[in-house]
């Protein structure tokens, strides 16, 4: 299990369902992307939002294509070091899950702040393909030197998600 937050107050406040939040994804100290998302659920620990594909055009990774019309149901935790994004076509067909390794999410007003730590995991819809991604970027980021504790938490989070994906699947985590 990922390291829990050391601040018990980080589990509050909760965002009511239907509220529009702005998700701000930060990487290497800079905002990578900001986009509106509708709150689906917030239990004080995990906040789930839904948003259409936010980047312009198509992004083809080789193992999956993200494109206009795709819908992302995104699960962020205030006490875990990852985010899991369920990706569906506009017609509702499941493409799979894109998992970002992040610091625990922080809700500030109507902004959900998420710091991307470079490591990612892709799990195909049928679970047959589980791919660890961007380990080279993580190594080059220097996080292990700057913040060894955070780097260790990030690697443990990736290992945890991969284990779940290869054994019981991600449904139990997201249910």
N, C-alpha and C. Protein backbone atom coordinates (compact mmCIF):
# COMPACT_ATOMS: atom_id res chain seq x y z
N UNK A 1 0.84 -1.17 0.00
CA UNK A 1 0.00 0.00 0.00
C UNK A 1 0.88 1.24 0.00
N UNK A 2 0.45 2.27 -0.68
CA UNK A 2 1.21 3.51 -0.75
C UNK A 2 1.24 4.18 0.61
N UNK A 3 2.24 5.00 0.79
CA UNK A 3 2.40 5.71 2.06
C UNK A 3 1.23 6.65 2.30
N UNK A 4 0.64 6.58 3.49
CA UNK A 4 -0.43 7.52 3.80
C UNK A 4 0.12 8.91 4.03
N UNK A 5 -0.73 9.88 3.87
CA UNK A 5 -0.35 11.26 4.12
C UNK A 5 -0.07 11.43 5.61
N UNK A 6 0.90 12.26 5.94
CA UNK A 6 1.21 12.49 7.35
C UNK A 6 0.29 13.55 7.95
N UNK A 7 -0.52 14.20 7.14
CA UNK A 7 -1.40 15.26 7.62
C UNK A 7 -2.84 14.78 7.61
N UNK A 8 -3.41 14.45 8.80
CA UNK A 8 -4.78 13.96 8.82
C UNK A 8 -5.76 14.99 8.29
N UNK A 9 -5.44 16.26 8.32
CA UNK A 9 -6.32 17.29 7.78
C UNK A 9 -6.39 17.26 6.27
N UNK A 10 -5.46 16.53 5.62
CA UNK A 10 -5.46 16.48 4.16
C UNK A 10 -6.65 15.70 3.63
N UNK A 11 -7.39 15.00 4.50
CA UNK A 11 -8.54 14.24 4.04
C UNK A 11 -9.78 15.13 3.88
N UNK A 12 -9.67 16.40 4.19
CA UNK A 12 -10.77 17.34 4.05
C UNK A 12 -10.30 18.53 3.24
N UNK A 13 -11.13 19.30 2.63
CA UNK A 13 -12.57 19.18 2.54
C UNK A 13 -12.96 18.28 1.38
N UNK A 14 -14.17 17.79 1.42
CA UNK A 14 -14.70 16.97 0.34
C UNK A 14 -15.43 17.86 -0.66
N UNK A 15 -15.35 17.47 -1.93
CA UNK A 15 -16.05 18.20 -2.99
C UNK A 15 -17.37 17.49 -3.28
N UNK A 16 -18.49 18.22 -3.30
CA UNK A 16 -19.77 17.56 -3.57
C UNK A 16 -19.87 17.07 -5.01
N UNK A 17 -20.60 15.97 -5.21
CA UNK A 17 -20.82 15.43 -6.56
C UNK A 17 -21.45 16.50 -7.44
N UNK A 18 -21.03 16.53 -8.69
CA UNK A 18 -21.56 17.49 -9.65
C UNK A 18 -20.80 18.80 -9.69
N UNK A 19 -19.97 19.06 -8.70
CA UNK A 19 -19.19 20.30 -8.66
C UNK A 19 -18.09 20.25 -9.71
N UNK A 20 -17.89 21.33 -10.43
CA UNK A 20 -16.81 21.40 -11.40
C UNK A 20 -15.54 21.84 -10.71
N UNK A 21 -14.50 21.05 -10.89
CA UNK A 21 -13.17 21.37 -10.38
C UNK A 21 -12.24 21.61 -11.55
N UNK A 22 -11.13 22.24 -11.28
CA UNK A 22 -10.06 22.35 -12.27
C UNK A 22 -8.95 21.42 -11.81
N UNK A 23 -8.61 20.46 -12.66
CA UNK A 23 -7.48 19.57 -12.37
C UNK A 23 -6.23 20.25 -12.91
N UNK A 24 -5.24 20.44 -12.05
CA UNK A 24 -3.97 21.04 -12.45
C UNK A 24 -2.89 19.99 -12.28
N UNK A 25 -2.35 19.52 -13.40
CA UNK A 25 -1.28 18.52 -13.38
C UNK A 25 0.05 19.25 -13.48
N UNK A 26 0.86 19.11 -12.43
CA UNK A 26 2.14 19.79 -12.34
C UNK A 26 3.25 18.76 -12.53
N UNK A 27 4.25 19.13 -13.32
CA UNK A 27 5.39 18.24 -13.55
C UNK A 27 6.65 19.10 -13.55
N UNK A 28 7.63 18.70 -12.76
CA UNK A 28 8.91 19.41 -12.67
C UNK A 28 8.69 20.89 -12.32
N UNK A 29 7.73 21.15 -11.43
CA UNK A 29 7.50 22.51 -10.97
C UNK A 29 6.68 23.39 -11.88
N UNK A 30 6.26 22.87 -13.04
CA UNK A 30 5.46 23.67 -13.97
C UNK A 30 4.13 23.00 -14.25
N UNK A 31 3.11 23.80 -14.46
CA UNK A 31 1.80 23.25 -14.79
C UNK A 31 1.85 22.69 -16.21
N UNK A 32 1.60 21.39 -16.31
CA UNK A 32 1.64 20.70 -17.60
C UNK A 32 0.31 20.89 -18.34
N UNK A 33 -0.80 20.76 -17.60
CA UNK A 33 -2.12 20.93 -18.19
C UNK A 33 -3.12 21.25 -17.08
N UNK A 34 -4.12 22.03 -17.44
CA UNK A 34 -5.24 22.36 -16.54
C UNK A 34 -6.50 22.11 -17.34
N UNK A 35 -7.48 21.48 -16.70
CA UNK A 35 -8.74 21.21 -17.41
C UNK A 35 -9.88 21.06 -16.41
N UNK A 36 -11.10 21.39 -16.86
CA UNK A 36 -12.26 21.23 -15.98
C UNK A 36 -12.69 19.77 -15.91
N UNK A 37 -13.17 19.37 -14.75
CA UNK A 37 -13.66 18.00 -14.54
C UNK A 37 -14.82 18.05 -13.55
N UNK A 38 -15.78 17.18 -13.76
CA UNK A 38 -16.94 17.14 -12.87
C UNK A 38 -16.71 16.12 -11.76
N UNK A 39 -16.95 16.54 -10.53
CA UNK A 39 -16.81 15.63 -9.40
C UNK A 39 -17.88 14.55 -9.46
N UNK A 40 -17.45 13.30 -9.40
CA UNK A 40 -18.36 12.16 -9.36
C UNK A 40 -18.59 11.75 -7.92
N UNK A 41 -17.49 11.72 -7.15
CA UNK A 41 -17.56 11.25 -5.77
C UNK A 41 -16.33 11.75 -5.02
N UNK A 42 -16.51 12.04 -3.74
CA UNK A 42 -15.39 12.42 -2.89
C UNK A 42 -15.68 11.92 -1.48
N UNK A 43 -14.90 10.94 -1.04
CA UNK A 43 -15.13 10.37 0.30
C UNK A 43 -14.17 10.95 1.35
N UNK A 44 -13.44 11.99 0.97
CA UNK A 44 -12.48 12.60 1.89
C UNK A 44 -11.08 12.05 1.73
N UNK A 45 -10.95 10.86 1.17
CA UNK A 45 -9.65 10.26 0.87
C UNK A 45 -9.44 10.19 -0.65
N UNK A 46 -10.44 9.62 -1.33
CA UNK A 46 -10.36 9.51 -2.80
C UNK A 46 -11.39 10.45 -3.41
N UNK A 47 -10.93 11.18 -4.41
CA UNK A 47 -11.83 12.05 -5.17
C UNK A 47 -11.85 11.53 -6.60
N UNK A 48 -13.05 11.33 -7.12
CA UNK A 48 -13.23 10.83 -8.48
C UNK A 48 -13.88 11.92 -9.31
N UNK A 49 -13.28 12.20 -10.46
CA UNK A 49 -13.81 13.21 -11.38
C UNK A 49 -13.94 12.60 -12.76
N UNK A 50 -14.74 13.24 -13.60
CA UNK A 50 -14.91 12.78 -14.98
C UNK A 50 -14.67 13.97 -15.90
N UNK A 51 -13.92 13.70 -16.97
CA UNK A 51 -13.60 14.77 -17.92
C UNK A 51 -13.37 14.17 -19.31
N UNK A 52 -13.67 14.93 -20.34
CA UNK A 52 -13.31 14.48 -21.69
C UNK A 52 -11.80 14.62 -21.89
N UNK A 53 -11.28 13.92 -22.88
CA UNK A 53 -9.87 14.05 -23.26
C UNK A 53 -9.56 15.53 -23.39
N UNK A 54 -8.57 16.00 -22.64
CA UNK A 54 -8.33 17.44 -22.50
C UNK A 54 -7.28 18.00 -23.45
N UNK A 55 -6.46 17.17 -24.04
CA UNK A 55 -5.41 17.67 -24.92
C UNK A 55 -5.96 17.84 -26.33
N UNK A 56 -5.34 18.72 -27.11
CA UNK A 56 -5.81 18.88 -28.49
C UNK A 56 -5.41 17.68 -29.34
N UNK A 57 -6.29 17.27 -30.23
CA UNK A 57 -5.98 16.22 -31.19
C UNK A 57 -5.84 14.84 -30.58
N UNK A 58 -5.15 13.98 -31.32
CA UNK A 58 -4.98 12.57 -30.97
C UNK A 58 -3.59 12.37 -30.38
N UNK A 59 -3.50 11.53 -29.36
CA UNK A 59 -2.19 11.14 -28.81
C UNK A 59 -2.09 9.63 -28.94
N UNK A 60 -1.23 9.17 -29.82
CA UNK A 60 -1.06 7.74 -30.09
C UNK A 60 0.20 7.25 -29.40
N UNK A 61 0.02 6.39 -28.40
CA UNK A 61 1.16 5.85 -27.65
C UNK A 61 1.67 4.55 -28.26
N UNK A 62 0.97 4.02 -29.26
CA UNK A 62 1.33 2.73 -29.82
C UNK A 62 0.49 1.62 -29.21
N UNK A 63 0.31 1.65 -27.92
CA UNK A 63 -0.49 0.64 -27.23
C UNK A 63 -1.91 1.12 -26.97
N UNK A 64 -2.15 2.45 -27.11
CA UNK A 64 -3.50 3.03 -26.97
C UNK A 64 -3.48 4.41 -27.63
N UNK A 65 -4.65 4.81 -28.12
CA UNK A 65 -4.83 6.16 -28.68
C UNK A 65 -5.82 6.91 -27.82
N UNK A 66 -5.43 8.10 -27.38
CA UNK A 66 -6.36 9.00 -26.71
C UNK A 66 -6.79 10.02 -27.76
N UNK A 67 -8.10 10.24 -27.86
CA UNK A 67 -8.59 11.11 -28.92
C UNK A 67 -9.84 11.86 -28.49
N UNK A 68 -10.15 12.94 -29.21
CA UNK A 68 -11.36 13.68 -28.88
C UNK A 68 -12.56 12.73 -28.79
N UNK A 69 -13.38 12.96 -27.77
CA UNK A 69 -14.54 12.09 -27.53
C UNK A 69 -14.29 11.09 -26.42
N UNK A 70 -13.02 10.74 -26.17
CA UNK A 70 -12.71 9.82 -25.07
C UNK A 70 -13.10 10.47 -23.75
N UNK A 71 -13.53 9.63 -22.81
CA UNK A 71 -13.95 10.11 -21.49
C UNK A 71 -13.07 9.45 -20.44
N UNK A 72 -12.52 10.27 -19.55
CA UNK A 72 -11.64 9.80 -18.49
C UNK A 72 -12.37 9.92 -17.15
N UNK A 73 -12.49 8.81 -16.45
CA UNK A 73 -12.95 8.84 -15.06
C UNK A 73 -11.69 8.68 -14.23
N UNK A 74 -11.34 9.74 -13.51
CA UNK A 74 -10.04 9.84 -12.86
C UNK A 74 -10.18 9.73 -11.35
N UNK A 75 -9.40 8.85 -10.77
CA UNK A 75 -9.43 8.60 -9.33
C UNK A 75 -8.13 9.13 -8.73
N UNK A 76 -8.27 10.10 -7.83
CA UNK A 76 -7.12 10.69 -7.14
C UNK A 76 -7.26 10.44 -5.65
N UNK A 77 -6.14 10.20 -5.00
CA UNK A 77 -6.14 9.96 -3.56
C UNK A 77 -5.37 11.05 -2.86
N UNK A 78 -5.86 11.42 -1.69
CA UNK A 78 -5.16 12.39 -0.85
C UNK A 78 -4.14 11.69 0.05
N UNK A 79 -4.17 10.36 0.08
CA UNK A 79 -3.28 9.61 0.97
C UNK A 79 -2.52 8.49 0.25
N UNK A 80 -2.49 8.53 -1.07
CA UNK A 80 -1.73 7.54 -1.85
C UNK A 80 -0.94 8.26 -2.93
N UNK A 81 0.07 7.58 -3.41
CA UNK A 81 1.01 8.18 -4.35
C UNK A 81 0.70 7.79 -5.79
N UNK A 82 -0.57 7.74 -6.16
CA UNK A 82 -0.93 7.46 -7.54
C UNK A 82 -2.31 7.97 -7.86
N UNK A 83 -2.58 8.03 -9.17
CA UNK A 83 -3.91 8.35 -9.71
C UNK A 83 -4.20 7.30 -10.78
N UNK A 84 -5.46 6.86 -10.84
CA UNK A 84 -5.86 5.86 -11.83
C UNK A 84 -6.94 6.47 -12.70
N UNK A 85 -6.72 6.44 -14.01
CA UNK A 85 -7.65 7.04 -14.96
C UNK A 85 -8.24 5.95 -15.85
N UNK A 86 -9.55 5.73 -15.69
CA UNK A 86 -10.26 4.78 -16.54
C UNK A 86 -10.57 5.51 -17.84
N UNK A 87 -10.18 4.91 -18.97
CA UNK A 87 -10.34 5.56 -20.27
C UNK A 87 -11.37 4.80 -21.09
N UNK A 88 -12.39 5.53 -21.56
CA UNK A 88 -13.43 4.94 -22.40
C UNK A 88 -13.61 5.78 -23.66
N UNK A 89 -14.07 5.13 -24.72
CA UNK A 89 -14.43 5.86 -25.93
C UNK A 89 -15.68 6.67 -25.62
N UNK A 90 -16.02 7.60 -26.50
CA UNK A 90 -17.25 8.36 -26.34
C UNK A 90 -18.48 7.46 -26.33
N UNK A 91 -18.38 6.29 -26.97
CA UNK A 91 -19.47 5.32 -27.00
C UNK A 91 -19.52 4.42 -25.77
N UNK A 92 -18.56 4.57 -24.87
CA UNK A 92 -18.57 3.82 -23.62
C UNK A 92 -17.70 2.58 -23.57
N UNK A 93 -17.03 2.22 -24.68
CA UNK A 93 -16.16 1.04 -24.67
C UNK A 93 -14.89 1.32 -23.86
N UNK A 94 -14.56 0.40 -22.96
CA UNK A 94 -13.37 0.55 -22.13
C UNK A 94 -12.11 0.34 -22.95
N UNK A 95 -11.19 1.32 -22.89
CA UNK A 95 -9.88 1.19 -23.53
C UNK A 95 -8.87 0.62 -22.55
N UNK A 96 -8.97 1.04 -21.29
CA UNK A 96 -8.04 0.57 -20.27
C UNK A 96 -7.86 1.61 -19.18
N UNK A 97 -6.79 1.46 -18.42
CA UNK A 97 -6.50 2.35 -17.29
C UNK A 97 -5.10 2.91 -17.45
N UNK A 98 -4.99 4.22 -17.37
CA UNK A 98 -3.70 4.89 -17.37
C UNK A 98 -3.45 5.35 -15.95
N UNK A 99 -2.37 4.89 -15.37
CA UNK A 99 -2.06 5.18 -13.97
C UNK A 99 -0.85 6.09 -13.89
N UNK A 100 -1.02 7.22 -13.24
CA UNK A 100 0.07 8.17 -13.01
C UNK A 100 0.58 7.98 -11.59
N UNK A 101 1.88 7.97 -11.44
CA UNK A 101 2.46 7.99 -10.10
C UNK A 101 2.63 9.46 -9.75
N UNK A 102 2.01 9.85 -8.63
CA UNK A 102 1.94 11.26 -8.24
C UNK A 102 2.14 11.38 -6.73
N UNK A 103 2.41 12.58 -6.28
CA UNK A 103 2.29 12.84 -4.85
C UNK A 103 0.80 12.81 -4.53
N UNK A 104 0.44 12.62 -3.25
CA UNK A 104 -0.98 12.67 -2.90
C UNK A 104 -1.62 13.97 -3.39
N UNK A 105 -2.83 13.86 -3.93
CA UNK A 105 -3.55 15.01 -4.48
C UNK A 105 -3.96 15.98 -3.37
N UNK A 106 -4.06 17.24 -3.74
CA UNK A 106 -4.46 18.29 -2.79
C UNK A 106 -5.60 19.09 -3.43
N UNK A 107 -6.71 19.19 -2.71
CA UNK A 107 -7.84 20.01 -3.16
C UNK A 107 -7.74 21.36 -2.47
N UNK A 108 -7.56 22.42 -3.26
CA UNK A 108 -7.49 23.79 -2.74
C UNK A 108 -8.60 24.58 -3.41
N UNK A 109 -9.68 24.83 -2.67
CA UNK A 109 -10.83 25.51 -3.25
C UNK A 109 -11.45 24.64 -4.32
N UNK A 110 -11.45 25.14 -5.55
CA UNK A 110 -12.01 24.36 -6.66
C UNK A 110 -10.92 23.81 -7.57
N UNK A 111 -9.68 23.78 -7.07
CA UNK A 111 -8.57 23.27 -7.86
C UNK A 111 -8.00 22.00 -7.22
N UNK A 112 -7.89 20.97 -8.03
CA UNK A 112 -7.29 19.71 -7.60
C UNK A 112 -5.86 19.69 -8.13
N UNK A 113 -4.90 19.80 -7.22
CA UNK A 113 -3.48 19.86 -7.59
C UNK A 113 -2.87 18.47 -7.54
N UNK A 114 -2.22 18.09 -8.63
CA UNK A 114 -1.63 16.76 -8.75
C UNK A 114 -0.22 16.91 -9.30
N UNK A 115 0.78 16.42 -8.54
CA UNK A 115 2.17 16.50 -8.99
C UNK A 115 2.60 15.17 -9.58
N UNK A 116 2.83 15.17 -10.88
CA UNK A 116 3.24 13.98 -11.63
C UNK A 116 4.72 13.69 -11.35
N UNK A 117 5.02 12.43 -11.00
CA UNK A 117 6.40 12.03 -10.69
C UNK A 117 7.02 11.17 -11.78
N UNK A 118 6.53 11.28 -12.99
CA UNK A 118 7.08 10.68 -14.21
C UNK A 118 6.72 9.22 -14.43
N UNK A 119 6.65 8.40 -13.40
CA UNK A 119 6.35 6.98 -13.60
C UNK A 119 4.89 6.78 -13.94
N UNK A 120 4.62 5.84 -14.86
CA UNK A 120 3.25 5.55 -15.28
C UNK A 120 3.08 4.05 -15.47
N UNK A 121 1.82 3.63 -15.51
CA UNK A 121 1.47 2.24 -15.77
C UNK A 121 0.26 2.24 -16.68
N UNK A 122 0.28 1.40 -17.72
CA UNK A 122 -0.88 1.22 -18.59
C UNK A 122 -1.39 -0.21 -18.39
N UNK A 123 -2.71 -0.33 -18.23
CA UNK A 123 -3.37 -1.63 -18.11
C UNK A 123 -4.45 -1.67 -19.18
N UNK A 124 -4.35 -2.64 -20.09
CA UNK A 124 -5.35 -2.75 -21.16
C UNK A 124 -6.70 -3.17 -20.59
N UNK A 125 -7.75 -2.95 -21.37
CA UNK A 125 -9.12 -3.23 -20.92
C UNK A 125 -9.30 -4.67 -20.46
N UNK A 126 -8.66 -5.61 -21.15
CA UNK A 126 -8.82 -7.03 -20.77
C UNK A 126 -7.77 -7.48 -19.76
N UNK A 127 -6.88 -6.57 -19.36
CA UNK A 127 -5.87 -6.88 -18.36
C UNK A 127 -4.69 -7.69 -18.88
N UNK A 128 -4.69 -8.00 -20.17
CA UNK A 128 -3.61 -8.84 -20.72
C UNK A 128 -2.30 -8.08 -20.90
N UNK A 129 -2.37 -6.76 -20.99
CA UNK A 129 -1.18 -5.95 -21.18
C UNK A 129 -1.03 -5.00 -19.99
N UNK A 130 0.08 -5.13 -19.28
CA UNK A 130 0.41 -4.25 -18.16
C UNK A 130 1.81 -3.71 -18.44
N UNK A 131 1.90 -2.41 -18.70
CA UNK A 131 3.16 -1.82 -19.14
C UNK A 131 3.64 -0.75 -18.16
N UNK A 132 4.87 -0.91 -17.68
CA UNK A 132 5.52 0.14 -16.88
C UNK A 132 6.09 1.15 -17.87
N UNK A 133 5.84 2.43 -17.62
CA UNK A 133 6.23 3.47 -18.57
C UNK A 133 7.09 4.54 -17.91
N UNK A 134 7.95 5.13 -18.71
CA UNK A 134 8.71 6.33 -18.34
C UNK A 134 9.68 6.15 -17.18
N UNK A 135 10.15 4.93 -16.97
CA UNK A 135 11.14 4.72 -15.91
C UNK A 135 12.43 5.47 -16.20
N UNK A 136 12.75 5.65 -17.49
CA UNK A 136 13.94 6.42 -17.86
C UNK A 136 13.77 7.89 -17.48
N UNK A 137 12.59 8.46 -17.72
CA UNK A 137 12.33 9.85 -17.34
C UNK A 137 12.43 10.03 -15.83
N UNK A 138 11.91 9.06 -15.10
CA UNK A 138 11.97 9.11 -13.63
C UNK A 138 13.42 9.12 -13.17
N UNK A 139 14.24 8.24 -13.74
CA UNK A 139 15.66 8.17 -13.36
C UNK A 139 16.36 9.49 -13.67
N UNK A 140 16.02 10.08 -14.83
CA UNK A 140 16.66 11.34 -15.24
C UNK A 140 16.15 12.55 -14.48
N UNK A 141 15.01 12.42 -13.81
CA UNK A 141 14.40 13.57 -13.11
C UNK A 141 15.22 14.04 -11.92
N UNK A 142 16.05 13.16 -11.36
CA UNK A 142 16.85 13.52 -10.20
C UNK A 142 16.10 13.48 -8.89
N UNK A 143 14.86 12.98 -8.90
CA UNK A 143 14.07 12.95 -7.67
C UNK A 143 14.75 12.10 -6.60
N UNK A 144 15.38 11.01 -7.00
CA UNK A 144 16.04 10.13 -6.02
C UNK A 144 17.12 10.88 -5.24
N UNK A 145 17.78 11.85 -5.88
CA UNK A 145 18.80 12.65 -5.21
C UNK A 145 18.19 13.79 -4.40
N UNK A 146 17.19 14.47 -4.99
CA UNK A 146 16.56 15.62 -4.34
C UNK A 146 15.66 15.24 -3.18
N UNK A 147 14.92 14.15 -3.35
CA UNK A 147 13.92 13.75 -2.35
C UNK A 147 13.81 12.23 -2.34
N UNK A 148 14.81 11.55 -1.72
CA UNK A 148 14.83 10.09 -1.74
C UNK A 148 13.58 9.45 -1.15
N UNK A 149 12.99 10.10 -0.16
CA UNK A 149 11.77 9.56 0.45
C UNK A 149 10.62 9.53 -0.56
N UNK A 150 10.45 10.62 -1.30
CA UNK A 150 9.40 10.69 -2.32
C UNK A 150 9.69 9.71 -3.45
N UNK A 151 10.95 9.59 -3.85
CA UNK A 151 11.31 8.66 -4.92
C UNK A 151 10.99 7.23 -4.50
N UNK A 152 11.28 6.88 -3.27
CA UNK A 152 10.95 5.55 -2.76
C UNK A 152 9.46 5.30 -2.74
N UNK A 153 8.69 6.31 -2.31
CA UNK A 153 7.22 6.18 -2.29
C UNK A 153 6.69 6.00 -3.70
N UNK A 154 7.28 6.70 -4.67
CA UNK A 154 6.84 6.60 -6.06
C UNK A 154 7.08 5.19 -6.61
N UNK A 155 8.25 4.64 -6.37
CA UNK A 155 8.56 3.29 -6.85
C UNK A 155 7.66 2.26 -6.18
N UNK A 156 7.43 2.41 -4.88
CA UNK A 156 6.53 1.48 -4.18
C UNK A 156 5.11 1.57 -4.74
N UNK A 157 4.66 2.78 -5.07
CA UNK A 157 3.32 2.95 -5.63
C UNK A 157 3.20 2.27 -6.99
N UNK A 158 4.23 2.41 -7.83
CA UNK A 158 4.22 1.75 -9.14
C UNK A 158 4.20 0.24 -8.96
N UNK A 159 5.02 -0.27 -8.05
CA UNK A 159 5.05 -1.71 -7.78
C UNK A 159 3.68 -2.20 -7.30
N UNK A 160 3.04 -1.43 -6.42
CA UNK A 160 1.73 -1.81 -5.89
C UNK A 160 0.69 -1.88 -7.00
N UNK A 161 0.65 -0.86 -7.85
CA UNK A 161 -0.33 -0.86 -8.94
C UNK A 161 -0.08 -2.00 -9.92
N UNK A 162 1.19 -2.25 -10.23
CA UNK A 162 1.49 -3.36 -11.15
C UNK A 162 1.06 -4.69 -10.54
N UNK A 163 1.34 -4.89 -9.25
CA UNK A 163 0.93 -6.13 -8.59
C UNK A 163 -0.58 -6.30 -8.64
N UNK A 164 -1.31 -5.24 -8.30
CA UNK A 164 -2.78 -5.30 -8.35
C UNK A 164 -3.27 -5.62 -9.76
N UNK A 165 -2.70 -4.94 -10.75
CA UNK A 165 -3.13 -5.14 -12.14
C UNK A 165 -2.88 -6.57 -12.59
N UNK A 166 -1.77 -7.16 -12.17
CA UNK A 166 -1.42 -8.51 -12.63
C UNK A 166 -2.12 -9.61 -11.82
N UNK A 167 -2.64 -9.29 -10.65
CA UNK A 167 -3.27 -10.32 -9.82
C UNK A 167 -4.78 -10.17 -9.80
N UNK A 168 -5.29 -9.24 -9.04
CA UNK A 168 -6.74 -9.12 -8.89
C UNK A 168 -7.38 -8.08 -9.80
N UNK A 169 -6.58 -7.30 -10.51
CA UNK A 169 -7.12 -6.23 -11.35
C UNK A 169 -7.35 -4.97 -10.54
N UNK A 170 -7.69 -3.89 -11.23
CA UNK A 170 -7.84 -2.60 -10.56
C UNK A 170 -9.26 -2.36 -10.05
N UNK A 171 -10.20 -3.22 -10.41
CA UNK A 171 -11.61 -3.01 -10.03
C UNK A 171 -11.80 -2.90 -8.52
N UNK A 172 -11.12 -3.73 -7.75
CA UNK A 172 -11.26 -3.69 -6.29
C UNK A 172 -10.79 -2.37 -5.71
N UNK A 173 -9.74 -1.82 -6.29
CA UNK A 173 -9.21 -0.54 -5.84
C UNK A 173 -10.19 0.59 -6.14
N UNK A 174 -10.87 0.49 -7.27
CA UNK A 174 -11.73 1.58 -7.73
C UNK A 174 -13.18 1.43 -7.30
N UNK A 175 -13.55 0.25 -6.81
CA UNK A 175 -14.96 -0.02 -6.46
C UNK A 175 -15.49 0.75 -5.31
